[in-house]
PDB file of N, CA and C in Angstrom:
ATOM      1  N   MET A   1       0.831  -1.173   0.000  1.00  0.00           N
ATOM      2  CA  MET A   1       0.000   0.000   0.000  1.00  0.00           C
ATOM      3  C   MET A   1       0.881   1.244   0.000  1.00  0.00           C
ATOM      4  N   LYS A   2       0.603   2.160  -0.885  1.00  0.00           N
ATOM      5  CA  LYS A   2       1.397   3.376  -0.996  1.00  0.00           C
ATOM      6  C   LYS A   2       0.921   4.410   0.003  1.00  0.00           C
ATOM      7  N   LYS A   3       1.875   5.070   0.559  1.00  0.00           N
ATOM      8  CA  LYS A   3       1.543   6.194   1.433  1.00  0.00           C
ATOM      9  C   LYS A   3       1.548   7.457   0.604  1.00  0.00           C
ATOM     10  N   SER A   4       0.524   8.211   0.741  1.00  0.00           N
ATOM     11  CA  SER A   4       0.494   9.463  -0.028  1.00  0.00           C
ATOM     12  C   SER A   4       1.229  10.542   0.753  1.00  0.00           C
ATOM     13  N   LYS A   5       2.098  11.186   0.053  1.00  0.00           N
ATOM     14  CA  LYS A   5       2.848  12.279   0.675  1.00  0.00           C
ATOM     15  C   LYS A   5       2.068  13.559   0.507  1.00  0.00           C
ATOM     16  N   SER A   6       1.935  14.266   1.579  1.00  0.00           N
ATOM     17  CA  SER A   6       1.237  15.547   1.465  1.00  0.00           C
ATOM     18  C   SER A   6       2.198  16.569   0.890  1.00  0.00           C
ATOM     19  N   LYS A   7       1.739  17.204  -0.140  1.00  0.00           N
ATOM     20  CA  LYS A   7       2.580  18.211  -0.783  1.00  0.00           C
ATOM     21  C   LYS A   7       2.291  19.559  -0.148  1.00  0.00           C
ATOM     22  N   LYS A   8       3.311  20.136   0.342  1.00  0.00           N
ATOM     23  CA  LYS A   8       3.180  21.441   0.968  1.00  0.00           C
ATOM     24  C   LYS A   8       3.290  22.512  -0.101  1.00  0.00           C
ATOM     25  N   LYS A   9       2.342  23.380  -0.135  1.00  0.00           N
ATOM     26  CA  LYS A   9       2.396  24.463  -1.104  1.00  0.00           C
ATOM     27  C   LYS A   9       3.376  25.514  -0.607  1.00  0.00           C
ATOM     28  N   HIS A  10       4.236  25.923  -1.496  1.00  0.00           N
ATOM     29  CA  HIS A  10       5.200  26.956  -1.152  1.00  0.00           C
ATOM     30  C   HIS A  10       4.586  28.306  -1.476  1.00  0.00           C
ATOM     31  N   SER A  11       4.432  29.087  -0.455  1.00  0.00           N
ATOM     32  CA  SER A  11       3.875  30.416  -0.708  1.00  0.00           C
ATOM     33  C   SER A  11       5.011  31.383  -0.996  1.00  0.00           C
ATOM     34  N   HIS A  12       4.732  32.303  -1.889  1.00  0.00           N
ATOM     35  CA  HIS A  12       5.728  33.311  -2.206  1.00  0.00           C
ATOM     36  C   HIS A  12       5.784  34.328  -1.084  1.00  0.00           C
ATOM     37  N   ARG A  13       6.975  34.724  -0.774  1.00  0.00           N
ATOM     38  CA  ARG A  13       7.139  35.744   0.250  1.00  0.00           C
ATOM     39  C   ARG A  13       6.797  37.088  -0.366  1.00  0.00           C
ATOM     40  N   ARG A  14       5.894  37.788   0.276  1.00  0.00           N
ATOM     41  CA  ARG A  14       5.476  39.079  -0.244  1.00  0.00           C
ATOM     42  C   ARG A  14       6.561  40.109   0.005  1.00  0.00           C
ATOM     43  N   THR A  15       6.731  40.986  -0.954  1.00  0.00           N
ATOM     44  CA  THR A  15       7.693  42.075  -0.781  1.00  0.00           C
ATOM     45  C   THR A  15       6.925  43.387  -0.814  1.00  0.00           C
ATOM     46  N   PHE A  16       7.437  44.327  -0.070  1.00  0.00           N
ATOM     47  CA  PHE A  16       6.795  45.625   0.051  1.00  0.00           C
ATOM     48  C   PHE A  16       7.806  46.715  -0.264  1.00  0.00           C
ATOM     49  N   THR A  17       7.327  47.777  -0.866  1.00  0.00           N
ATOM     50  CA  THR A  17       8.219  48.885  -1.191  1.00  0.00           C
ATOM     51  C   THR A  17       8.606  49.623   0.080  1.00  0.00           C
ATOM     52  N   GLN A  18       9.683  50.355  -0.014  1.00  0.00           N
ATOM     53  CA  GLN A  18      10.133  51.148   1.130  1.00  0.00           C
ATOM     54  C   GLN A  18       9.078  52.186   1.497  1.00  0.00           C
ATOM     55  N   GLU A  19       8.407  52.744   0.490  1.00  0.00           N
ATOM     56  CA  GLU A  19       7.372  53.752   0.735  1.00  0.00           C
ATOM     57  C   GLU A  19       6.209  53.148   1.521  1.00  0.00           C
ATOM     58  N   PHE A  20       5.827  51.914   1.171  1.00  0.00           N
ATOM     59  CA  PHE A  20       4.740  51.226   1.875  1.00  0.00           C
ATOM     60  C   PHE A  20       5.106  51.037   3.342  1.00  0.00           C
ATOM     61  N   LYS A  21       6.346  50.576   3.575  1.00  0.00           N
ATOM     62  CA  LYS A  21       6.800  50.354   4.949  1.00  0.00           C
ATOM     63  C   LYS A  21       6.827  51.655   5.741  1.00  0.00           C
ATOM     64  N   GLN A  22       7.328  52.715   5.111  1.00  0.00           N
ATOM     65  CA  GLN A  22       7.389  54.009   5.792  1.00  0.00           C
ATOM     66  C   GLN A  22       5.996  54.520   6.134  1.00  0.00           C
ATOM     67  N   GLU A  23       5.052  54.321   5.225  1.00  0.00           N
ATOM     68  CA  GLU A  23       3.678  54.749   5.479  1.00  0.00           C
ATOM     69  C   GLU A  23       3.064  53.945   6.625  1.00  0.00           C
ATOM     70  N   ALA A  24       3.348  52.650   6.679  1.00  0.00           N
ATOM     71  CA  ALA A  24       2.855  51.814   7.767  1.00  0.00           C
ATOM     72  C   ALA A  24       3.407  52.294   9.105  1.00  0.00           C
ATOM     73  N   VAL A  25       4.697  52.604   9.143  1.00  0.00           N
ATOM     74  CA  VAL A  25       5.327  53.104  10.372  1.00  0.00           C
ATOM     75  C   VAL A  25       4.698  54.432  10.777  1.00  0.00           C
ATOM     76  N   LYS A  26       4.476  55.283   9.790  1.00  0.00           N
ATOM     77  CA  LYS A  26       3.861  56.589  10.048  1.00  0.00           C
ATOM     78  C   LYS A  26       2.468  56.422  10.659  1.00  0.00           C
ATOM     79  N   LEU A  27       1.718  55.455  10.148  1.00  0.00           N
ATOM     80  CA  LEU A  27       0.368  55.215  10.664  1.00  0.00           C
ATOM     81  C   LEU A  27       0.387  54.754  12.117  1.00  0.00           C
ATOM     82  N   THR A  28       1.416  53.991  12.505  1.00  0.00           N
ATOM     83  CA  THR A  28       1.482  53.503  13.889  1.00  0.00           C
ATOM     84  C   THR A  28       1.727  54.633  14.879  1.00  0.00           C
ATOM     85  N   LYS A  29       2.226  55.752  14.385  1.00  0.00           N
ATOM     86  CA  LYS A  29       2.527  56.884  15.273  1.00  0.00           C
ATOM     87  C   LYS A  29       1.332  57.814  15.463  1.00  0.00           C
ATOM     88  N   GLU A  30       0.252  57.563  14.722  1.00  0.00           N
ATOM     89  CA  GLU A  30      -0.949  58.382  14.863  1.00  0.00           C
ATOM     90  C   GLU A  30      -1.702  57.968  16.120  1.00  0.00           C
ATOM     91  N   PRO A  31      -2.469  58.908  16.710  1.00  0.00           N
ATOM     92  CA  PRO A  31      -3.233  58.584  17.921  1.00  0.00           C
ATOM     93  C   PRO A  31      -4.226  57.439  17.663  1.00  0.00           C
ATOM     94  N   ASN A  32      -4.387  56.592  18.642  1.00  0.00           N
ATOM     95  CA  ASN A  32      -5.329  55.468  18.606  1.00  0.00           C
ATOM     96  C   ASN A  32      -5.035  54.458  17.502  1.00  0.00           C
ATOM     97  N   GLN A  33      -3.785  54.357  17.082  1.00  0.00           N
ATOM     98  CA  GLN A  33      -3.396  53.390  16.053  1.00  0.00           C
ATOM     99  C   GLN A  33      -2.325  52.460  16.625  1.00  0.00           C
ATOM    100  N   SER A  34      -2.705  51.244  16.912  1.00  0.00           N
ATOM    101  CA  SER A  34      -1.740  50.265  17.402  1.00  0.00           C
ATOM    102  C   SER A  34      -1.113  49.549  16.211  1.00  0.00           C
ATOM    103  N   ILE A  35      -0.029  48.860  16.476  1.00  0.00           N
ATOM    104  CA  ILE A  35       0.630  48.094  15.424  1.00  0.00           C
ATOM    105  C   ILE A  35      -0.325  47.043  14.877  1.00  0.00           C
ATOM    106  N   ALA A  36      -1.061  46.371  15.769  1.00  0.00           N
ATOM    107  CA  ALA A  36      -1.990  45.333  15.341  1.00  0.00           C
ATOM    108  C   ALA A  36      -3.096  45.903  14.453  1.00  0.00           C
ATOM    109  N   LYS A  37      -3.605  47.071  14.826  1.00  0.00           N
ATOM    110  CA  LYS A  37      -4.684  47.690  14.058  1.00  0.00           C
ATOM    111  C   LYS A  37      -4.188  48.110  12.668  1.00  0.00           C
ATOM    112  N   VAL A  38      -3.008  48.711  12.614  1.00  0.00           N
ATOM    113  CA  VAL A  38      -2.430  49.132  11.333  1.00  0.00           C
ATOM    114  C   VAL A  38      -2.188  47.908  10.453  1.00  0.00           C
ATOM    115  N   ALA A  39      -1.641  46.846  11.037  1.00  0.00           N
ATOM    116  CA  ALA A  39      -1.361  45.627  10.284  1.00  0.00           C
ATOM    117  C   ALA A  39      -2.648  45.033   9.704  1.00  0.00           C
ATOM    118  N   GLU A  40      -3.684  44.987  10.512  1.00  0.00           N
ATOM    119  CA  GLU A  40      -4.960  44.450  10.041  1.00  0.00           C
ATOM    120  C   GLU A  40      -5.523  45.294   8.897  1.00  0.00           C
ATOM    121  N   ASN A  41      -5.466  46.610   9.030  1.00  0.00           N
ATOM    122  CA  ASN A  41      -5.985  47.505   7.988  1.00  0.00           C
ATOM    123  C   ASN A  41      -5.207  47.376   6.681  1.00  0.00           C
ATOM    124  N   LEU A  42      -3.900  47.109   6.784  1.00  0.00           N
ATOM    125  CA  LEU A  42      -3.062  47.002   5.585  1.00  0.00           C
ATOM    126  C   LEU A  42      -3.008  45.579   5.023  1.00  0.00           C
ATOM    127  N   GLY A  43      -3.510  44.616   5.795  1.00  0.00           N
ATOM    128  CA  GLY A  43      -3.495  43.237   5.327  1.00  0.00           C
ATOM    129  C   GLY A  43      -2.144  42.572   5.428  1.00  0.00           C
ATOM    130  N   VAL A  44      -1.368  42.974   6.417  1.00  0.00           N
ATOM    131  CA  VAL A  44      -0.058  42.363   6.649  1.00  0.00           C
ATOM    132  C   VAL A  44      -0.003  41.872   8.089  1.00  0.00           C
ATOM    133  N   SER A  45       1.014  41.111   8.417  1.00  0.00           N
ATOM    134  CA  SER A  45       1.123  40.595   9.779  1.00  0.00           C
ATOM    135  C   SER A  45       1.622  41.686  10.729  1.00  0.00           C
ATOM    136  N   ALA A  46       1.195  41.556  11.968  1.00  0.00           N
ATOM    137  CA  ALA A  46       1.627  42.513  12.987  1.00  0.00           C
ATOM    138  C   ALA A  46       3.132  42.426  13.203  1.00  0.00           C
ATOM    139  N   SER A  47       3.693  41.216  13.077  1.00  0.00           N
ATOM    140  CA  SER A  47       5.141  41.076  13.281  1.00  0.00           C
ATOM    141  C   SER A  47       5.920  41.802  12.186  1.00  0.00           C
ATOM    142  N   ALA A  48       5.379  41.838  10.975  1.00  0.00           N
ATOM    143  CA  ALA A  48       6.048  42.570   9.893  1.00  0.00           C
ATOM    144  C   ALA A  48       6.056  44.061  10.204  1.00  0.00           C
ATOM    145  N   VAL A  49       4.908  44.581  10.610  1.00  0.00           N
ATOM    146  CA  VAL A  49       4.822  46.015  10.931  1.00  0.00           C
ATOM    147  C   VAL A  49       5.722  46.338  12.120  1.00  0.00           C
ATOM    148  N   ARG A  50       5.728  45.457  13.120  1.00  0.00           N
ATOM    149  CA  ARG A  50       6.583  45.672  14.302  1.00  0.00           C
ATOM    150  C   ARG A  50       8.052  45.716  13.886  1.00  0.00           C
ATOM    151  N   GLY A  51       8.435  44.844  12.970  1.00  0.00           N
ATOM    152  CA  GLY A  51       9.817  44.837  12.463  1.00  0.00           C
ATOM    153  C   GLY A  51      10.156  46.127  11.749  1.00  0.00           C
ATOM    154  N   TRP A  52       9.217  46.644  10.947  1.00  0.00           N
ATOM    155  CA  TRP A  52       9.441  47.905  10.242  1.00  0.00           C
ATOM    156  C   TRP A  52       9.577  49.055  11.216  1.00  0.00           C
ATOM    157  N   VAL A  53       8.765  49.046  12.278  1.00  0.00           N
ATOM    158  CA  VAL A  53       8.844  50.101  13.299  1.00  0.00           C
ATOM    159  C   VAL A  53      10.192  50.030  14.005  1.00  0.00           C
ATOM    160  N   ASN A  54      10.603  48.814  14.376  1.00  0.00           N
ATOM    161  CA  ASN A  54      11.901  48.646  15.052  1.00  0.00           C
ATOM    162  C   ASN A  54      13.049  49.106  14.168  1.00  0.00           C
ATOM    163  N   GLN A  55      12.988  48.758  12.889  1.00  0.00           N
ATOM    164  CA  GLN A  55      14.047  49.167  11.964  1.00  0.00           C
ATOM    165  C   GLN A  55      14.069  50.678  11.798  1.00  0.00           C
ATOM    166  N   ASP A  56      12.897  51.281  11.754  1.00  0.00           N
ATOM    167  CA  ASP A  56      12.814  52.739  11.633  1.00  0.00           C
ATOM    168  C   ASP A  56      13.423  53.413  12.865  1.00  0.00           C
ATOM    169  N   GLU A  57      13.103  52.880  14.023  1.00  0.00           N
ATOM    170  CA  GLU A  57      13.656  53.439  15.262  1.00  0.00           C
ATOM    171  C   GLU A  57      15.165  53.255  15.322  1.00  0.00           C
ATOM    172  N   ALA A  58      15.651  52.115  14.838  1.00  0.00           N
ATOM    173  CA  ALA A  58      17.094  51.875  14.818  1.00  0.00           C
ATOM    174  C   ALA A  58      17.779  52.854  13.881  1.00  0.00           C
ATOM    175  N   GLY A  59      17.149  53.116  12.747  1.00  0.00           N
ATOM    176  CA  GLY A  59      17.710  54.066  11.788  1.00  0.00           C
ATOM    177  C   GLY A  59      17.803  55.457  12.362  1.00  0.00           C
ATOM    178  N   GLU A  60      16.905  55.765  13.298  1.00  0.00           N
ATOM    179  CA  GLU A  60      16.919  57.071  13.957  1.00  0.00           C
ATOM    180  C   GLU A  60      17.807  57.066  15.191  1.00  0.00           C
ATOM    181  N   GLY A  61      18.376  55.896  15.499  1.00  0.00           N
ATOM    182  CA  GLY A  61      19.263  55.806  16.659  1.00  0.00           C
ATOM    183  C   GLY A  61      18.532  55.639  17.975  1.00  0.00           C
ATOM    184  N   ILE A  62      17.246  55.276  17.938  1.00  0.00           N
ATOM    185  CA  ILE A  62      16.490  55.117  19.183  1.00  0.00           C
ATOM    186  C   ILE A  62      16.034  53.684  19.393  1.00  0.00           C
ATOM    187  N   GLY A  63      16.585  52.750  18.629  1.00  0.00           N
ATOM    188  CA  GLY A  63      16.195  51.348  18.766  1.00  0.00           C
ATOM    189  C   GLY A  63      16.759  50.742  20.032  1.00  0.00           C
ATOM    190  N   GLY A  64      16.254  49.583  20.378  1.00  0.00           N
ATOM    191  CA  GLY A  64      16.703  48.890  21.577  1.00  0.00           C
ATOM    192  C   GLY A  64      18.017  48.164  21.344  1.00  0.00           C
ATOM    193  N   LEU A  65      18.422  47.421  22.348  1.00  0.00           N
ATOM    194  CA  LEU A  65      19.651  46.639  22.246  1.00  0.00           C
ATOM    195  C   LEU A  65      19.506  45.589  21.156  1.00  0.00           C
ATOM    196  N   GLY A  66      20.565  45.363  20.436  1.00  0.00           N
ATOM    197  CA  GLY A  66      20.566  44.335  19.417  1.00  0.00           C
ATOM    198  C   GLY A  66      20.024  44.778  18.072  1.00  0.00           C
ATOM    199  N   ILE A  67      19.582  46.016  17.961  1.00  0.00           N
ATOM    200  CA  ILE A  67      19.071  46.513  16.694  1.00  0.00           C
ATOM    201  C   ILE A  67      20.100  47.466  16.111  1.00  0.00           C
ATOM    202  N   LEU A  68      20.526  47.150  14.896  1.00  0.00           N
ATOM    203  CA  LEU A  68      21.552  47.971  14.252  1.00  0.00           C
ATOM    204  C   LEU A  68      20.919  49.135  13.507  1.00  0.00           C
ATOM    205  N   SER A  69      21.576  50.276  13.582  1.00  0.00           N
ATOM    206  CA  SER A  69      21.130  51.411  12.781  1.00  0.00           C
ATOM    207  C   SER A  69      21.534  51.147  11.335  1.00  0.00           C
ATOM    208  N   ASN A  70      20.985  51.905  10.423  1.00  0.00           N
ATOM    209  CA  ASN A  70      21.323  51.718   9.008  1.00  0.00           C
ATOM    210  C   ASN A  70      22.809  51.913   8.766  1.00  0.00           C
ATOM    211  N   LEU A  71      23.397  52.916   9.416  1.00  0.00           N
ATOM    212  CA  LEU A  71      24.829  53.176   9.269  1.00  0.00           C
ATOM    213  C   LEU A  71      25.646  52.006   9.812  1.00  0.00           C
ATOM    214  N   GLU A  72      25.247  51.477  10.971  1.00  0.00           N
ATOM    215  CA  GLU A  72      25.952  50.331  11.546  1.00  0.00           C
ATOM    216  C   GLU A  72      25.822  49.100  10.656  1.00  0.00           C
ATOM    217  N   ARG A  73      24.663  48.921  10.060  1.00  0.00           N
ATOM    218  CA  ARG A  73      24.435  47.788   9.171  1.00  0.00           C
ATOM    219  C   ARG A  73      25.343  47.871   7.941  1.00  0.00           C
ATOM    220  N   GLN A  74      25.486  49.073   7.383  1.00  0.00           N
ATOM    221  CA  GLN A  74      26.368  49.275   6.230  1.00  0.00           C
ATOM    222  C   GLN A  74      27.818  49.018   6.607  1.00  0.00           C
ATOM    223  N   GLU A  75      28.219  49.530   7.768  1.00  0.00           N
ATOM    224  CA  GLU A  75      29.593  49.346   8.226  1.00  0.00           C
ATOM    225  C   GLU A  75      29.891  47.868   8.471  1.00  0.00           C
ATOM    226  N   LEU A  76      28.936  47.159   9.064  1.00  0.00           N
ATOM    227  CA  LEU A  76      29.111  45.734   9.316  1.00  0.00           C
ATOM    228  C   LEU A  76      29.271  44.966   8.007  1.00  0.00           C
ATOM    229  N   SER A  77      28.464  45.312   7.025  1.00  0.00           N
ATOM    230  CA  SER A  77      28.556  44.660   5.720  1.00  0.00           C
ATOM    231  C   SER A  77      29.926  44.897   5.088  1.00  0.00           C
ATOM    232  N   ALA A  78      30.420  46.131   5.147  1.00  0.00           N
ATOM    233  CA  ALA A  78      31.732  46.457   4.583  1.00  0.00           C
ATOM    234  C   ALA A  78      32.841  45.697   5.318  1.00  0.00           C
ATOM    235  N   LEU A  79      32.735  45.609   6.634  1.00  0.00           N
ATOM    236  CA  LEU A  79      33.750  44.900   7.417  1.00  0.00           C
ATOM    237  C   LEU A  79      33.742  43.403   7.114  1.00  0.00           C
ATOM    238  N   LYS A  80      32.559  42.829   6.916  1.00  0.00           N
ATOM    239  CA  LYS A  80      32.484  41.408   6.570  1.00  0.00           C
ATOM    240  C   LYS A  80      33.153  41.141   5.231  1.00  0.00           C
ATOM    241  N   LYS A  81      32.951  42.032   4.260  1.00  0.00           N
ATOM    242  CA  LYS A  81      33.600  41.879   2.957  1.00  0.00           C
ATOM    243  C   LYS A  81      35.107  41.964   3.099  1.00  0.00           C
ATOM    244  N   GLU A  82      35.568  42.907   3.920  1.00  0.00           N
ATOM    245  CA  GLU A  82      37.004  43.077   4.111  1.00  0.00           C
ATOM    246  C   GLU A  82      37.617  41.853   4.787  1.00  0.00           C
ATOM    247  N   VAL A  83      36.942  41.305   5.784  1.00  0.00           N
ATOM    248  CA  VAL A  83      37.433  40.114   6.471  1.00  0.00           C
ATOM    249  C   VAL A  83      37.527  38.947   5.496  1.00  0.00           C
ATOM    250  N   LYS A  84      36.527  38.783   4.649  1.00  0.00           N
ATOM    251  CA  LYS A  84      36.535  37.707   3.656  1.00  0.00           C
ATOM    252  C   LYS A  84      37.734  37.846   2.719  1.00  0.00           C
ATOM    253  N   GLN A  85      37.982  39.071   2.251  1.00  0.00           N
ATOM    254  CA  GLN A  85      39.111  39.335   1.357  1.00  0.00           C
ATOM    255  C   GLN A  85      40.438  39.056   2.053  1.00  0.00           C
ATOM    256  N   LEU A  86      40.584  39.511   3.289  1.00  0.00           N
ATOM    257  CA  LEU A  86      41.829  39.308   4.028  1.00  0.00           C
ATOM    258  C   LEU A  86      42.085  37.827   4.301  1.00  0.00           C
ATOM    259  N   ARG A  87      41.041  37.074   4.610  1.00  0.00           N
ATOM    260  CA  ARG A  87      41.216  35.634   4.833  1.00  0.00           C
ATOM    261  C   ARG A  87      41.657  34.932   3.567  1.00  0.00           C
ATOM    262  N   MET A  88      41.099  35.336   2.446  1.00  0.00           N
ATOM    263  CA  MET A  88      41.480  34.746   1.172  1.00  0.00           C
ATOM    264  C   MET A  88      42.953  35.050   0.883  1.00  0.00           C
ATOM    265  N   GLU A  89      43.370  36.288   1.087  1.00  0.00           N
ATOM    266  CA  GLU A  89      44.760  36.668   0.858  1.00  0.00           C
ATOM    267  C   GLU A  89      45.692  35.900   1.788  1.00  0.00           C
ATOM    268  N   ARG A  90      45.289  35.745   3.054  1.00  0.00           N
ATOM    269  CA  ARG A  90      46.101  35.003   4.022  1.00  0.00           C
ATOM    270  C   ARG A  90      46.270  33.556   3.581  1.00  0.00           C
ATOM    271  N   ASP A  91      45.196  32.938   3.136  1.00  0.00           N
ATOM    272  CA  ASP A  91      45.260  31.542   2.697  1.00  0.00           C
ATOM    273  C   ASP A  91      46.177  31.379   1.488  1.00  0.00           C
ATOM    274  N   ILE A  92      46.139  32.319   0.564  1.00  0.00           N
ATOM    275  CA  ILE A  92      47.014  32.274  -0.609  1.00  0.00           C
ATOM    276  C   ILE A  92      48.475  32.384  -0.172  1.00  0.00           C
ATOM    277  N   LEU A  93      48.760  33.291   0.756  1.00  0.00           N
ATOM    278  CA  LEU A  93      50.137  33.458   1.244  1.00  0.00           C
ATOM    279  C   LEU A  93      50.622  32.212   1.987  1.00  0.00           C
ATOM    280  N   LYS A  94      49.736  31.568   2.752  1.00  0.00           N
ATOM    281  CA  LYS A  94      50.112  30.341   3.457  1.00  0.00           C
ATOM    282  C   LYS A  94      50.506  29.251   2.457  1.00  0.00           C
ATOM    283  N   LYS A  95      49.692  29.127   1.407  1.00  0.00           N
ATOM    284  CA  LYS A  95      49.970  28.101   0.395  1.00  0.00           C
ATOM    285  C   LYS A  95      51.272  28.407  -0.342  1.00  0.00           C
ATOM    286  N   ALA A  96      51.501  29.683  -0.632  1.00  0.00           N
ATOM    287  CA  ALA A  96      52.730  30.075  -1.322  1.00  0.00           C
ATOM    288  C   ALA A  96      53.940  29.806  -0.435  1.00  0.00           C
ATOM    289  N   ALA A  97      53.846  30.123   0.836  1.00  0.00           N
ATOM    290  CA  ALA A  97      54.958  29.885   1.758  1.00  0.00           C
ATOM    291  C   ALA A  97      55.249  28.394   1.869  1.00  0.00           C
ATOM    292  N   ALA A  98      54.201  27.583   1.953  1.00  0.00           N
ATOM    293  CA  ALA A  98      54.393  26.134   2.039  1.00  0.00           C
ATOM    294  C   ALA A  98      55.030  25.609   0.757  1.00  0.00           C
ATOM    295  N   PHE A  99      54.624  26.121  -0.381  1.00  0.00           N
ATOM    296  CA  PHE A  99      55.178  25.693  -1.668  1.00  0.00           C
ATOM    297  C   PHE A  99      56.665  26.012  -1.743  1.00  0.00           C
ATOM    298  N   PHE A 100      57.050  27.250  -1.385  1.00  0.00           N
ATOM    299  CA  PHE A 100      58.451  27.634  -1.468  1.00  0.00           C
ATOM    300  C   PHE A 100      59.297  26.950  -0.424  1.00  0.00           C
ATOM    301  N   ALA A 101      58.736  26.653   0.727  1.00  0.00           N
ATOM    302  CA  ALA A 101      59.485  25.919   1.749  1.00  0.00           C
ATOM    303  C   ALA A 101      59.767  24.498   1.271  1.00  0.00           C
ATOM    304  N   LYS A 102      58.800  23.929   0.562  1.00  0.00           N
ATOM    305  CA  LYS A 102      58.960  22.581   0.025  1.00  0.00           C
ATOM    306  C   LYS A 102      60.027  22.551  -1.065  1.00  0.00           C
ATOM    307  N   GLU A 103      60.064  23.614  -1.871  1.00  0.00           N
ATOM    308  CA  GLU A 103      61.051  23.719  -2.949  1.00  0.00           C
ATOM    309  C   GLU A 103      62.476  23.846  -2.416  1.00  0.00           C
ATOM    310  N   GLN A 104      62.630  24.461  -1.251  1.00  0.00           N
ATOM    311  CA  GLN A 104      63.960  24.664  -0.674  1.00  0.00           C
ATOM    312  C   GLN A 104      64.571  23.380  -0.166  1.00  0.00           C
ATOM    313  N   MET A 105      63.760  22.379   0.120  1.00  0.00           N
ATOM    314  CA  MET A 105      64.262  21.119   0.679  1.00  0.00           C
ATOM    315  C   MET A 105      64.841  20.247  -0.358  1.00  0.00           C
TER     316      MET A 105
END
């Protein structure tokens, strides 16, 4: 007897423009507008709106611990690229040194 495998439908992740996100954040700052209410009105999840609010606050430098500002995020990205490049260069030099040491013997 064959077991039928349930096929899970893959839903596409929705993407939103920066303007949409900014407008959602702006709406949460209006009187009597909670994140949940704004999310329901816009047809998005409350966690998405909460994330946009947190990111906006981080960009303004008022986010909580563990939230990077936009400038910090850019700097971190640049540093990660530099570390990757330096590690690659180090590995090449190690291999070259080992090769020449072997040749000397």
